[in-house]
Every structure is written in structure tokens, then in C-alpha cells.
């Protein structure tokens, strides 16, 4: 990878982290919250975002043991005076306990099938306090469909998105449409690896959340964030970044 692409990839990572920071800060301000549950916390990359937002208690869940080991290492090395816990087991101690549930760049895994999605959203709803917020970021399936068009693949120097069966995009399935995603020059999955994901569309996400007492209050494409921030990522990384969107749902029941 040449130096210019390395700079653009770094700028995209910085931009995406800034989006998450703004999203977390906004949810804390909206709820005056101090308790956050992170589903798909990975290696604990949002650790300092939580601290900056003055969150006193965070429970980070990820099914990958090596990620949780690294998250705990980072937390111990940070010397933060917070009650932050990382685990490969879901939090089940109390219901209606968290002000915010965060799912950053991970909800696509829940769209493998309707059962997994319903289980996930039911859990989110049970964990949230009344008027609590469910926040997250993801690759917008409607934009992916636009990019792929009638083929089964779209790529540029920043990304490659492929679906094994293009007919899945045409029959409008709610869940279970597989995608293979590679982002070049990022830390998401390593330089050569591919993330196996599932298509997430706004209409399906909104409808399924509403079934579980979660009402959409904000849906912001990353393009809108960058209209304010003006990160310079070059045409390919900009195109990649602008496939993503953030969401905020409020628990209404």
C-alpha cells in the first residue's frame, strides 16, 4: 500500500472513531446515563471514549476470548478508575439496568436469521431502562445494493464487497443475505482477511426494533457527519466510509 493510501486509511479510522465518540457522547447527554452495555466490544477500542463520556459502569461483551483478553489487558494498562468489565458471557444479572446499549459495527452478525435478530433485540430491550437508548453503526444495506447493482461484487482500492448469491439482493429477504467484506488498510479484520457479514437494511432494522419496543429517533449517514468534520480520505476511502450509518433507538415500553 502506498503512502497516500495509508494516510487515507488512517484518516478513515480516525473519522469512524470520531463518529462513535459523538454518538456515545450524544446518548449520554440524552439520558444523563452512567451505565452502558457494549455488545460486540471487540478488543475494547472504545475504552477511552467511555471514560471521556464519564460512564461509570460499562459491561463489554464479545464472544471471542482473544478479544476479551486484549480488552482486559488494555483496561488494566490504562489505569482508569472506572468499573469496566469485559466478558465472553452476556450480562444477565439485572434487567432494565443500562441507560445505553451500544453495538458498534457488529449488528450485521445478528442478521444471520430472524431468530438471532429477535433474540438480540429482545435482550437489548430487556437490558435497557425505560427511555434508554440503543445506539450503533453499520454498513447500510440499501447503499450496498446500490453499489453492487446487478453484479455480485463491488470493489475499489479501499474495499471489496461481494455477495455469494446476487439473487438474495433481489428477493428482499429480511435476514440471511450474506456479504463478504474486505476493507484495505484498516484494523477491522487484518489486511488480508475477510469479514463474513449479513445485509442490514434500514426498513427491516426499524421494523424489527419497533416489535421489541425500540423506536427510531435518529438515523445519520456518515456522509452527514463528515459534512461537519471534513475528514480527507481520498475518493475510494470516502466512498467506503459513506456506506456506513449510525442509529439511535429509544426504548418506549
Foldseek 3Di string as FASTA:
>chain_A
DDPLQLLLQVLLVVLLLVVVLVQVLVLCVQQVWQEEEEEQCFLVPCVVSSVVSNRQEYEYEDLDVVSQVNNVVVVVVVPDPHHYHYDPDDDDPAWQAGLEYEYEAHCQAQQQDPVSVLVVLLRVLRRHHAFGKYKYKYQALVVVCVQCPQHQWHDDPFKIKGWPDSVVVVVPDLGNGWIWIAGANHPPPDHPHIDIGIHHHPVSVQVSNVVNQWHWDDKAFSVVVCVVVVRDNPDRSVSVRRSMMMTMITRND
